[in-house]
Amino acid sequence: MAVFDGRTGLEMISTPECWRLLGQHDVARLGVSVGGNPEIMPVNYAAGEGRIVFRTDAGTKYRALEGHPTVVLELDGFDAGAKTGWSVQVKGRAEVVHDPVTLRRLRAAPPAPWAPGEKSIWVRVAPTEVTGRRIAPTATGGTMQSTTEASVLSSRSFSGSCRGRRCLRLARGSSTRFCGGPASRSRD
């Protein structure tokens, strides 16, 4: 069942679907802190067993991870013509892999680096949060824009609660829901 965020109007992607999307791709952007400033760098990665791994060398990424191991990995896709798209973020702690058994296993599998250089340092990201959002088409053929649009589509009928938020169905008999604010908040 699709669930929409009441503030943004975007569909929230489930954690299993986020992992499925991560598993279908091998290039994403890694956000790190370099000298107190945010930097985003492309990385090719592999996802599996609830972890993300990538290879690097003793350059900027590696030095940044030594001082600030909290990272975010972002992956997205879009269709400009249809005005739809999605984004997955994995927030977590990056750690260099030192265990010889794990290193042997990692070396036998992807990812193979695209960039030149040895890239002999394996980094594992242990996720603390995996989230995703999708700009999804609505029943009217457009994309979900606002709480107001969802209210019109649903005839303002709340159908229950999900994840502690007041929710409404986009159409009678539909399993697609639009989540508004907290369940305790009154409806406008």
N, C-alpha and C. Protein backbone atom coordinates (compact mmCIF):
# COMPACT_ATOMS: atom_id res chain seq x y z
N MET A 1 0.84 -1.16 0.00
CA MET A 1 0.00 0.00 0.00
C MET A 1 0.89 1.24 0.00
N ALA A 2 0.64 2.16 -0.90
CA ALA A 2 1.42 3.38 -0.98
C ALA A 2 1.00 4.34 0.13
N VAL A 3 1.98 5.00 0.75
CA VAL A 3 1.74 5.96 1.82
C VAL A 3 2.40 7.28 1.41
N PHE A 4 1.65 8.37 1.53
CA PHE A 4 2.14 9.68 1.13
C PHE A 4 2.38 10.55 2.35
N ASP A 5 3.42 11.35 2.32
CA ASP A 5 3.75 12.29 3.38
C ASP A 5 2.85 13.51 3.25
N GLY A 6 2.20 13.89 4.35
CA GLY A 6 1.27 15.01 4.33
C GLY A 6 1.92 16.36 4.12
N ARG A 7 3.16 16.52 4.51
CA ARG A 7 3.85 17.80 4.35
C ARG A 7 4.34 17.99 2.92
N THR A 8 4.92 16.95 2.34
CA THR A 8 5.55 17.08 1.03
C THR A 8 4.71 16.56 -0.12
N GLY A 9 3.74 15.68 0.17
CA GLY A 9 2.96 15.06 -0.88
C GLY A 9 3.70 13.96 -1.61
N LEU A 10 4.87 13.57 -1.12
CA LEU A 10 5.66 12.54 -1.76
C LEU A 10 5.33 11.17 -1.18
N GLU A 11 5.39 10.15 -2.03
CA GLU A 11 5.18 8.79 -1.57
C GLU A 11 6.40 8.35 -0.76
N MET A 12 6.17 7.74 0.39
CA MET A 12 7.26 7.22 1.20
C MET A 12 7.55 5.79 0.74
N ILE A 13 8.80 5.51 0.41
CA ILE A 13 9.20 4.19 -0.06
C ILE A 13 9.55 3.33 1.15
N SER A 14 9.03 2.12 1.18
CA SER A 14 9.29 1.22 2.31
C SER A 14 10.77 0.83 2.35
N THR A 15 11.24 0.42 3.52
CA THR A 15 12.63 0.00 3.66
C THR A 15 12.98 -1.16 2.75
N PRO A 16 12.14 -2.22 2.65
CA PRO A 16 12.48 -3.30 1.71
C PRO A 16 12.58 -2.81 0.26
N GLU A 17 11.71 -1.89 -0.13
CA GLU A 17 11.78 -1.34 -1.50
C GLU A 17 13.04 -0.50 -1.68
N CYS A 18 13.45 0.24 -0.64
CA CYS A 18 14.71 0.99 -0.71
C CYS A 18 15.87 0.04 -0.98
N TRP A 19 15.93 -1.08 -0.24
CA TRP A 19 17.01 -2.05 -0.44
C TRP A 19 16.95 -2.68 -1.81
N ARG A 20 15.73 -2.90 -2.33
CA ARG A 20 15.60 -3.45 -3.68
C ARG A 20 16.18 -2.48 -4.70
N LEU A 21 15.86 -1.20 -4.57
CA LEU A 21 16.39 -0.19 -5.47
C LEU A 21 17.91 -0.09 -5.35
N LEU A 22 18.42 -0.11 -4.12
CA LEU A 22 19.88 -0.08 -3.93
C LEU A 22 20.55 -1.27 -4.60
N GLY A 23 19.91 -2.43 -4.54
CA GLY A 23 20.48 -3.63 -5.13
C GLY A 23 20.45 -3.64 -6.65
N GLN A 24 19.62 -2.81 -7.26
CA GLN A 24 19.52 -2.75 -8.72
C GLN A 24 20.51 -1.79 -9.35
N HIS A 25 21.23 -1.04 -8.54
CA HIS A 25 22.15 -0.02 -9.06
C HIS A 25 23.52 -0.21 -8.43
N ASP A 26 24.51 0.49 -8.98
CA ASP A 26 25.85 0.35 -8.40
C ASP A 26 26.62 1.66 -8.33
N VAL A 27 25.97 2.77 -8.64
CA VAL A 27 26.61 4.08 -8.51
C VAL A 27 25.67 5.00 -7.74
N ALA A 28 26.20 5.67 -6.73
CA ALA A 28 25.42 6.60 -5.92
C ALA A 28 26.33 7.76 -5.51
N ARG A 29 25.81 8.66 -4.70
CA ARG A 29 26.59 9.78 -4.19
C ARG A 29 26.78 9.59 -2.69
N LEU A 30 28.00 9.84 -2.25
CA LEU A 30 28.35 9.73 -0.83
C LEU A 30 28.56 11.12 -0.28
N GLY A 31 27.84 11.46 0.78
CA GLY A 31 28.00 12.73 1.46
C GLY A 31 28.89 12.56 2.67
N VAL A 32 29.96 13.35 2.74
CA VAL A 32 30.91 13.29 3.85
C VAL A 32 31.21 14.71 4.31
N SER A 33 31.87 14.82 5.45
CA SER A 33 32.32 16.11 5.94
C SER A 33 33.83 16.22 5.74
N VAL A 34 34.25 17.22 4.98
CA VAL A 34 35.67 17.45 4.70
C VAL A 34 36.05 18.82 5.25
N GLY A 35 36.86 18.82 6.28
CA GLY A 35 37.27 20.09 6.89
C GLY A 35 36.09 20.89 7.40
N GLY A 36 35.05 20.21 7.88
CA GLY A 36 33.87 20.89 8.41
C GLY A 36 32.89 21.32 7.34
N ASN A 37 33.16 21.02 6.08
CA ASN A 37 32.26 21.37 4.99
C ASN A 37 31.70 20.11 4.34
N PRO A 38 30.43 20.14 3.93
CA PRO A 38 29.87 18.96 3.27
C PRO A 38 30.41 18.82 1.85
N GLU A 39 30.68 17.58 1.48
CA GLU A 39 31.08 17.27 0.10
C GLU A 39 30.33 16.03 -0.33
N ILE A 40 29.99 16.00 -1.60
CA ILE A 40 29.30 14.85 -2.18
C ILE A 40 30.16 14.32 -3.31
N MET A 41 30.39 13.00 -3.26
CA MET A 41 31.26 12.36 -4.24
C MET A 41 30.59 11.11 -4.79
N PRO A 42 30.74 10.86 -6.09
CA PRO A 42 30.18 9.61 -6.62
C PRO A 42 31.00 8.41 -6.14
N VAL A 43 30.31 7.33 -5.87
CA VAL A 43 30.97 6.07 -5.52
C VAL A 43 30.23 4.95 -6.23
N ASN A 44 30.98 3.95 -6.66
CA ASN A 44 30.28 2.73 -7.07
C ASN A 44 30.34 1.80 -5.87
N TYR A 45 29.24 1.10 -5.65
CA TYR A 45 29.04 0.38 -4.39
C TYR A 45 28.37 -0.95 -4.66
N ALA A 46 28.27 -1.75 -3.63
CA ALA A 46 27.45 -2.96 -3.63
C ALA A 46 26.60 -2.92 -2.37
N ALA A 47 25.37 -3.38 -2.50
CA ALA A 47 24.45 -3.43 -1.37
C ALA A 47 24.08 -4.88 -1.10
N GLY A 48 24.08 -5.25 0.16
CA GLY A 48 23.68 -6.60 0.53
C GLY A 48 23.84 -6.83 2.01
N GLU A 49 23.06 -7.75 2.52
CA GLU A 49 23.12 -8.12 3.94
C GLU A 49 22.95 -6.91 4.85
N GLY A 50 22.12 -5.96 4.42
CA GLY A 50 21.86 -4.78 5.23
C GLY A 50 23.04 -3.83 5.33
N ARG A 51 23.97 -3.91 4.40
CA ARG A 51 25.17 -3.06 4.40
C ARG A 51 25.43 -2.52 3.00
N ILE A 52 26.19 -1.46 2.97
CA ILE A 52 26.70 -0.89 1.72
C ILE A 52 28.22 -0.99 1.81
N VAL A 53 28.87 -1.41 0.74
CA VAL A 53 30.34 -1.41 0.70
C VAL A 53 30.81 -0.70 -0.55
N PHE A 54 31.95 -0.03 -0.43
CA PHE A 54 32.58 0.59 -1.58
C PHE A 54 34.08 0.58 -1.38
N ARG A 55 34.80 0.84 -2.46
CA ARG A 55 36.26 0.85 -2.41
C ARG A 55 36.75 2.28 -2.60
N THR A 56 37.88 2.57 -1.98
CA THR A 56 38.48 3.89 -2.10
C THR A 56 39.99 3.74 -1.95
N ASP A 57 40.68 4.86 -2.02
CA ASP A 57 42.12 4.86 -1.73
C ASP A 57 42.36 5.88 -0.62
N ALA A 58 43.60 6.19 -0.34
CA ALA A 58 43.93 7.09 0.78
C ALA A 58 43.80 8.56 0.37
N GLY A 59 42.69 8.91 -0.28
CA GLY A 59 42.46 10.28 -0.73
C GLY A 59 41.48 11.02 0.16
N THR A 60 40.74 11.93 -0.46
CA THR A 60 39.83 12.82 0.26
C THR A 60 38.75 12.06 1.03
N LYS A 61 38.09 11.08 0.38
CA LYS A 61 37.03 10.33 1.07
C LYS A 61 37.57 9.63 2.30
N TYR A 62 38.69 8.96 2.13
CA TYR A 62 39.27 8.20 3.24
C TYR A 62 39.64 9.12 4.40
N ARG A 63 40.29 10.23 4.11
CA ARG A 63 40.66 11.17 5.18
C ARG A 63 39.41 11.74 5.86
N ALA A 64 38.38 12.02 5.08
CA ALA A 64 37.14 12.54 5.65
C ALA A 64 36.50 11.51 6.58
N LEU A 65 36.51 10.24 6.18
CA LEU A 65 35.89 9.19 6.98
C LEU A 65 36.66 8.92 8.27
N GLU A 66 37.97 9.14 8.24
CA GLU A 66 38.76 8.96 9.47
C GLU A 66 38.32 9.92 10.56
N GLY A 67 38.04 11.17 10.18
CA GLY A 67 37.66 12.19 11.16
C GLY A 67 36.18 12.25 11.46
N HIS A 68 35.36 11.92 10.46
CA HIS A 68 33.91 12.03 10.60
C HIS A 68 33.26 10.84 9.91
N PRO A 69 33.09 9.73 10.61
CA PRO A 69 32.59 8.53 9.95
C PRO A 69 31.09 8.52 9.65
N THR A 70 30.35 9.53 10.10
CA THR A 70 28.92 9.59 9.79
C THR A 70 28.77 10.06 8.35
N VAL A 71 28.04 9.26 7.56
CA VAL A 71 27.90 9.55 6.13
C VAL A 71 26.45 9.40 5.70
N VAL A 72 26.18 9.83 4.48
CA VAL A 72 24.90 9.57 3.83
C VAL A 72 25.21 9.14 2.40
N LEU A 73 24.53 8.09 1.96
CA LEU A 73 24.64 7.63 0.57
C LEU A 73 23.30 7.92 -0.06
N GLU A 74 23.29 8.55 -1.23
CA GLU A 74 22.04 8.90 -1.89
C GLU A 74 22.04 8.32 -3.30
N LEU A 75 20.91 7.73 -3.66
CA LEU A 75 20.70 7.14 -4.97
C LEU A 75 19.36 7.64 -5.46
N ASP A 76 19.25 7.96 -6.76
CA ASP A 76 17.96 8.40 -7.26
C ASP A 76 17.78 8.02 -8.71
N GLY A 77 16.57 8.17 -9.16
CA GLY A 77 16.21 7.96 -10.56
C GLY A 77 15.02 8.82 -10.88
N PHE A 78 14.87 9.20 -12.15
CA PHE A 78 13.74 10.04 -12.52
C PHE A 78 13.37 9.86 -13.98
N ASP A 79 12.16 10.29 -14.31
CA ASP A 79 11.66 10.35 -15.67
C ASP A 79 11.18 11.78 -15.86
N ALA A 80 12.01 12.61 -16.51
CA ALA A 80 11.69 14.03 -16.67
C ALA A 80 10.39 14.23 -17.45
N GLY A 81 10.16 13.40 -18.45
CA GLY A 81 8.95 13.52 -19.25
C GLY A 81 7.69 13.26 -18.45
N ALA A 82 7.73 12.27 -17.59
CA ALA A 82 6.57 11.92 -16.76
C ALA A 82 6.52 12.72 -15.46
N LYS A 83 7.59 13.48 -15.20
CA LYS A 83 7.70 14.26 -13.95
C LYS A 83 7.56 13.36 -12.73
N THR A 84 8.22 12.20 -12.78
CA THR A 84 8.24 11.28 -11.65
C THR A 84 9.69 10.97 -11.32
N GLY A 85 9.91 10.52 -10.12
CA GLY A 85 11.25 10.15 -9.72
C GLY A 85 11.25 9.59 -8.31
N TRP A 86 12.42 9.17 -7.87
CA TRP A 86 12.56 8.61 -6.54
C TRP A 86 13.96 8.90 -6.02
N SER A 87 14.08 8.80 -4.71
CA SER A 87 15.37 9.01 -4.04
C SER A 87 15.43 8.10 -2.82
N VAL A 88 16.59 7.47 -2.63
CA VAL A 88 16.83 6.64 -1.45
C VAL A 88 18.05 7.21 -0.74
N GLN A 89 17.96 7.34 0.58
CA GLN A 89 19.09 7.78 1.40
C GLN A 89 19.40 6.72 2.44
N VAL A 90 20.70 6.44 2.57
CA VAL A 90 21.18 5.54 3.61
C VAL A 90 22.10 6.37 4.50
N LYS A 91 21.68 6.61 5.73
CA LYS A 91 22.51 7.32 6.69
C LYS A 91 23.15 6.28 7.58
N GLY A 92 24.41 6.50 7.93
CA GLY A 92 25.06 5.52 8.79
C GLY A 92 26.49 5.87 9.11
N ARG A 93 27.17 4.89 9.63
CA ARG A 93 28.56 5.04 10.07
C ARG A 93 29.45 4.23 9.13
N ALA A 94 30.44 4.89 8.56
CA ALA A 94 31.38 4.22 7.66
C ALA A 94 32.56 3.70 8.48
N GLU A 95 32.97 2.47 8.15
CA GLU A 95 34.11 1.88 8.84
C GLU A 95 34.96 1.12 7.82
N VAL A 96 36.26 1.25 7.95
CA VAL A 96 37.18 0.53 7.08
C VAL A 96 37.16 -0.94 7.49
N VAL A 97 37.10 -1.82 6.49
CA VAL A 97 37.08 -3.26 6.75
C VAL A 97 38.51 -3.75 6.89
N HIS A 98 38.82 -4.36 8.03
CA HIS A 98 40.17 -4.89 8.29
C HIS A 98 40.18 -6.42 8.40
N ASP A 99 39.06 -7.04 8.69
CA ASP A 99 38.99 -8.48 8.90
C ASP A 99 39.39 -9.22 7.62
N PRO A 100 40.43 -10.08 7.67
CA PRO A 100 40.92 -10.77 6.48
C PRO A 100 39.88 -11.67 5.79
N VAL A 101 39.05 -12.33 6.57
CA VAL A 101 38.03 -13.20 5.98
C VAL A 101 37.01 -12.36 5.20
N THR A 102 36.57 -11.28 5.81
CA THR A 102 35.62 -10.38 5.15
C THR A 102 36.24 -9.76 3.91
N LEU A 103 37.49 -9.33 4.01
CA LEU A 103 38.17 -8.75 2.85
C LEU A 103 38.26 -9.73 1.69
N ARG A 104 38.58 -10.99 1.97
CA ARG A 104 38.65 -12.00 0.91
C ARG A 104 37.30 -12.15 0.21
N ARG A 105 36.26 -12.19 1.01
CA ARG A 105 34.90 -12.31 0.45
C ARG A 105 34.55 -11.09 -0.40
N LEU A 106 34.87 -9.90 0.10
CA LEU A 106 34.57 -8.67 -0.63
C LEU A 106 35.35 -8.58 -1.94
N ARG A 107 36.60 -8.97 -1.92
CA ARG A 107 37.44 -8.89 -3.12
C ARG A 107 36.94 -9.81 -4.23
N ALA A 108 36.20 -10.85 -3.87
CA ALA A 108 35.69 -11.80 -4.86
C ALA A 108 34.39 -11.33 -5.51
N ALA A 109 33.85 -10.22 -5.08
CA ALA A 109 32.55 -9.74 -5.57
C ALA A 109 32.65 -8.27 -5.97
N PRO A 110 31.60 -7.76 -6.61
CA PRO A 110 31.59 -6.33 -6.93
C PRO A 110 31.60 -5.51 -5.65
N PRO A 111 31.89 -4.24 -5.68
CA PRO A 111 31.98 -3.42 -6.88
C PRO A 111 33.41 -3.32 -7.41
N ALA A 112 33.53 -3.28 -8.69
CA ALA A 112 34.82 -2.98 -9.32
C ALA A 112 34.86 -1.48 -9.56
N PRO A 113 35.91 -0.81 -9.12
CA PRO A 113 35.96 0.65 -9.25
C PRO A 113 35.93 1.11 -10.71
N TRP A 114 35.24 2.20 -10.96
CA TRP A 114 35.26 2.82 -12.28
C TRP A 114 36.46 3.74 -12.40
N ALA A 115 36.77 4.45 -11.33
CA ALA A 115 37.86 5.43 -11.36
C ALA A 115 39.21 4.72 -11.36
N PRO A 116 40.21 5.33 -11.99
CA PRO A 116 41.54 4.71 -12.00
C PRO A 116 42.16 4.73 -10.60
N GLY A 117 43.12 3.89 -10.40
CA GLY A 117 43.82 3.81 -9.12
C GLY A 117 43.56 2.48 -8.46
N GLU A 118 44.34 2.21 -7.44
CA GLU A 118 44.29 0.90 -6.79
C GLU A 118 42.97 0.67 -6.04
N LYS A 119 42.46 1.65 -5.32
CA LYS A 119 41.22 1.53 -4.54
C LYS A 119 41.23 0.28 -3.66
N SER A 120 42.29 0.14 -2.89
CA SER A 120 42.47 -1.08 -2.09
C SER A 120 41.82 -1.02 -0.72
N ILE A 121 41.24 0.10 -0.35
CA ILE A 121 40.60 0.24 0.96
C ILE A 121 39.11 -0.02 0.80
N TRP A 122 38.62 -1.02 1.54
CA TRP A 122 37.20 -1.35 1.52
C TRP A 122 36.52 -0.67 2.69
N VAL A 123 35.40 0.00 2.40
CA VAL A 123 34.63 0.71 3.43
C VAL A 123 33.23 0.13 3.47
N ARG A 124 32.76 -0.13 4.68
CA ARG A 124 31.41 -0.65 4.90
C ARG A 124 30.61 0.43 5.60
N VAL A 125 29.40 0.68 5.12
CA VAL A 125 28.49 1.62 5.77
C VAL A 125 27.45 0.80 6.53
N ALA A 126 27.44 0.95 7.84
CA ALA A 126 26.45 0.31 8.70
C ALA A 126 25.28 1.29 8.84
N PRO A 127 24.15 1.01 8.21
CA PRO A 127 23.04 1.96 8.21
C PRO A 127 22.42 2.17 9.59
N THR A 128 22.10 3.43 9.87
CA THR A 128 21.30 3.75 11.05
C THR A 128 19.90 4.15 10.60
N GLU A 129 19.77 4.54 9.32
CA GLU A 129 18.46 4.94 8.78
C GLU A 129 18.48 4.74 7.27
N VAL A 130 17.42 4.12 6.76
CA VAL A 130 17.25 3.93 5.32
C VAL A 130 15.87 4.46 4.97
N THR A 131 15.83 5.49 4.13
CA THR A 131 14.55 6.12 3.77
C THR A 131 14.49 6.34 2.27
N GLY A 132 13.28 6.47 1.78
CA GLY A 132 13.10 6.75 0.36
C GLY A 132 11.82 7.51 0.13
N ARG A 133 11.82 8.29 -0.95
CA ARG A 133 10.64 9.06 -1.34
C ARG A 133 10.49 8.97 -2.85
N ARG A 134 9.24 9.04 -3.28
CA ARG A 134 8.96 8.96 -4.71
C ARG A 134 7.96 10.05 -5.08
N ILE A 135 8.21 10.74 -6.18
CA ILE A 135 7.22 11.63 -6.77
C ILE A 135 6.39 10.72 -7.66
N ALA A 136 5.17 10.45 -7.22
CA ALA A 136 4.34 9.44 -7.88
C ALA A 136 3.18 10.09 -8.61
N PRO A 137 2.77 9.49 -9.71
CA PRO A 137 1.57 9.99 -10.39
C PRO A 137 0.34 9.77 -9.53
N THR A 138 -0.64 10.64 -9.66
CA THR A 138 -1.89 10.52 -8.90
C THR A 138 -2.97 9.94 -9.80
N ALA A 139 -4.14 9.77 -9.24
CA ALA A 139 -5.28 9.26 -9.99
C ALA A 139 -5.68 10.21 -11.12
N THR A 140 -5.30 11.49 -11.02
CA THR A 140 -5.66 12.46 -12.05
C THR A 140 -4.60 12.54 -13.14
N GLY A 141 -3.53 11.74 -13.03
CA GLY A 141 -2.51 11.72 -14.07
C GLY A 141 -1.33 12.63 -13.80
N GLY A 142 -1.44 13.52 -12.82
CA GLY A 142 -0.32 14.40 -12.49
C GLY A 142 0.52 13.79 -11.39
N THR A 143 1.21 14.63 -10.65
CA THR A 143 1.94 14.15 -9.49
C THR A 143 1.33 14.75 -8.25
N MET A 144 1.50 14.09 -7.11
CA MET A 144 0.96 14.57 -5.85
C MET A 144 1.67 15.87 -5.52
N GLN A 145 0.91 16.95 -5.37
CA GLN A 145 1.50 18.25 -5.13
C GLN A 145 1.33 18.75 -3.71
N SER A 146 0.19 18.48 -3.11
CA SER A 146 -0.05 19.08 -1.81
C SER A 146 -1.13 18.34 -1.04
N THR A 147 -1.25 18.68 0.23
CA THR A 147 -2.31 18.14 1.06
C THR A 147 -3.66 18.52 0.49
N THR A 148 -3.78 19.72 -0.06
CA THR A 148 -5.05 20.18 -0.62
C THR A 148 -5.48 19.27 -1.76
N GLU A 149 -4.57 18.95 -2.67
CA GLU A 149 -4.90 18.07 -3.79
C GLU A 149 -5.33 16.71 -3.29
N ALA A 150 -4.66 16.18 -2.31
CA ALA A 150 -5.02 14.87 -1.77
C ALA A 150 -6.40 14.93 -1.13
N SER A 151 -6.72 16.04 -0.48
CA SER A 151 -8.02 16.18 0.15
C SER A 151 -9.13 16.16 -0.89
N VAL A 152 -8.92 16.84 -2.02
CA VAL A 152 -9.90 16.84 -3.09
C VAL A 152 -10.08 15.42 -3.63
N LEU A 153 -8.98 14.70 -3.85
CA LEU A 153 -9.06 13.34 -4.37
C LEU A 153 -9.77 12.40 -3.43
N SER A 154 -9.66 12.63 -2.15
CA SER A 154 -10.20 11.70 -1.18
C SER A 154 -11.57 12.11 -0.65
N SER A 155 -12.09 13.21 -1.09
CA SER A 155 -13.34 13.75 -0.56
C SER A 155 -13.24 13.99 0.93
N ARG A 156 -12.04 14.26 1.41
CA ARG A 156 -11.75 14.61 2.79
C ARG A 156 -12.16 13.52 3.78
N SER A 157 -12.11 12.25 3.38
CA SER A 157 -12.50 11.18 4.30
C SER A 157 -11.27 10.49 4.86
N PHE A 158 -11.06 10.64 6.15
CA PHE A 158 -9.96 9.94 6.79
C PHE A 158 -10.34 8.49 6.97
N SER A 159 -9.38 7.59 6.75
CA SER A 159 -9.70 6.17 6.82
C SER A 159 -8.94 5.44 7.91
N GLY A 160 -8.20 6.12 8.71
CA GLY A 160 -7.48 5.41 9.75
C GLY A 160 -6.18 6.09 10.09
N SER A 161 -5.34 5.35 10.74
CA SER A 161 -4.08 5.88 11.20
C SER A 161 -2.95 4.97 10.72
N CYS A 162 -1.85 5.55 10.30
CA CYS A 162 -0.69 4.73 9.97
C CYS A 162 0.55 5.46 10.45
N ARG A 163 1.43 4.72 11.09
CA ARG A 163 2.68 5.28 11.63
C ARG A 163 2.42 6.51 12.49
N GLY A 164 1.33 6.51 13.25
CA GLY A 164 1.04 7.60 14.15
C GLY A 164 0.55 8.86 13.47
N ARG A 165 0.16 8.77 12.20
CA ARG A 165 -0.33 9.94 11.47
C ARG A 165 -1.77 9.71 11.04
N ARG A 166 -2.50 10.78 10.87
CA ARG A 166 -3.85 10.65 10.32
C ARG A 166 -3.70 10.39 8.84
N CYS A 167 -4.43 9.43 8.32
CA CYS A 167 -4.29 9.04 6.93
C CYS A 167 -5.64 9.08 6.23
N LEU A 168 -5.59 9.27 4.94
CA LEU A 168 -6.80 9.22 4.14
C LEU A 168 -6.51 8.42 2.88
N ARG A 169 -7.54 7.81 2.34
CA ARG A 169 -7.39 7.06 1.09
C ARG A 169 -7.60 8.02 -0.07
N LEU A 170 -6.87 7.79 -1.17
CA LEU A 170 -7.00 8.67 -2.33
C LEU A 170 -8.31 8.43 -3.07
N ALA A 171 -8.86 7.24 -2.97
CA ALA A 171 -10.12 6.93 -3.62
C ALA A 171 -10.79 5.80 -2.85
N ARG A 172 -12.11 5.75 -2.90
CA ARG A 172 -12.82 4.68 -2.20
C ARG A 172 -12.34 3.33 -2.74
N GLY A 173 -12.03 2.41 -1.82
CA GLY A 173 -11.57 1.09 -2.20
C GLY A 173 -10.09 1.02 -2.57
N SER A 174 -9.41 2.16 -2.59
CA SER A 174 -7.99 2.21 -2.95
C SER A 174 -7.14 1.84 -1.74
N SER A 175 -6.01 1.20 -1.98
CA SER A 175 -5.09 0.93 -0.89
C SER A 175 -4.06 2.04 -0.76
N THR A 176 -4.09 3.04 -1.64
CA THR A 176 -3.16 4.16 -1.58
C THR A 176 -3.63 5.15 -0.54
N ARG A 177 -2.73 5.52 0.37
CA ARG A 177 -3.07 6.44 1.45
C ARG A 177 -2.22 7.70 1.37
N PHE A 178 -2.75 8.77 1.91
CA PHE A 178 -2.03 10.02 2.04
C PHE A 178 -1.97 10.33 3.51
N CYS A 179 -0.78 10.44 4.08
CA CYS A 179 -0.63 10.66 5.52
C CYS A 179 -0.47 12.14 5.80
N GLY A 180 -1.31 12.64 6.68
CA GLY A 180 -1.21 14.02 7.10
C GLY A 180 -0.33 14.13 8.32
N GLY A 181 -0.66 15.03 9.20
CA GLY A 181 0.14 15.24 10.39
C GLY A 181 -0.11 14.19 11.44
N PRO A 182 0.36 14.44 12.66
CA PRO A 182 0.16 13.49 13.75
C PRO A 182 -1.30 13.18 13.98
N ALA A 183 -1.60 11.99 14.45
CA ALA A 183 -2.98 11.55 14.65
C ALA A 183 -3.73 12.44 15.62
N SER A 184 -3.02 13.08 16.53
CA SER A 184 -3.69 13.92 17.52
C SER A 184 -4.09 15.27 16.96
N ARG A 185 -3.57 15.64 15.81
CA ARG A 185 -3.89 16.94 15.24
C ARG A 185 -5.27 16.92 14.62
N SER A 186 -6.04 17.97 14.80
CA SER A 186 -7.38 17.99 14.24
C SER A 186 -7.33 18.30 12.75
N ARG A 187 -8.31 17.84 12.03
CA ARG A 187 -8.40 18.04 10.59
C ARG A 187 -8.90 19.46 10.32
N ASP A 188 -8.35 20.11 9.28
CA ASP A 188 -8.77 21.47 8.92
C ASP A 188 -10.12 21.44 8.25
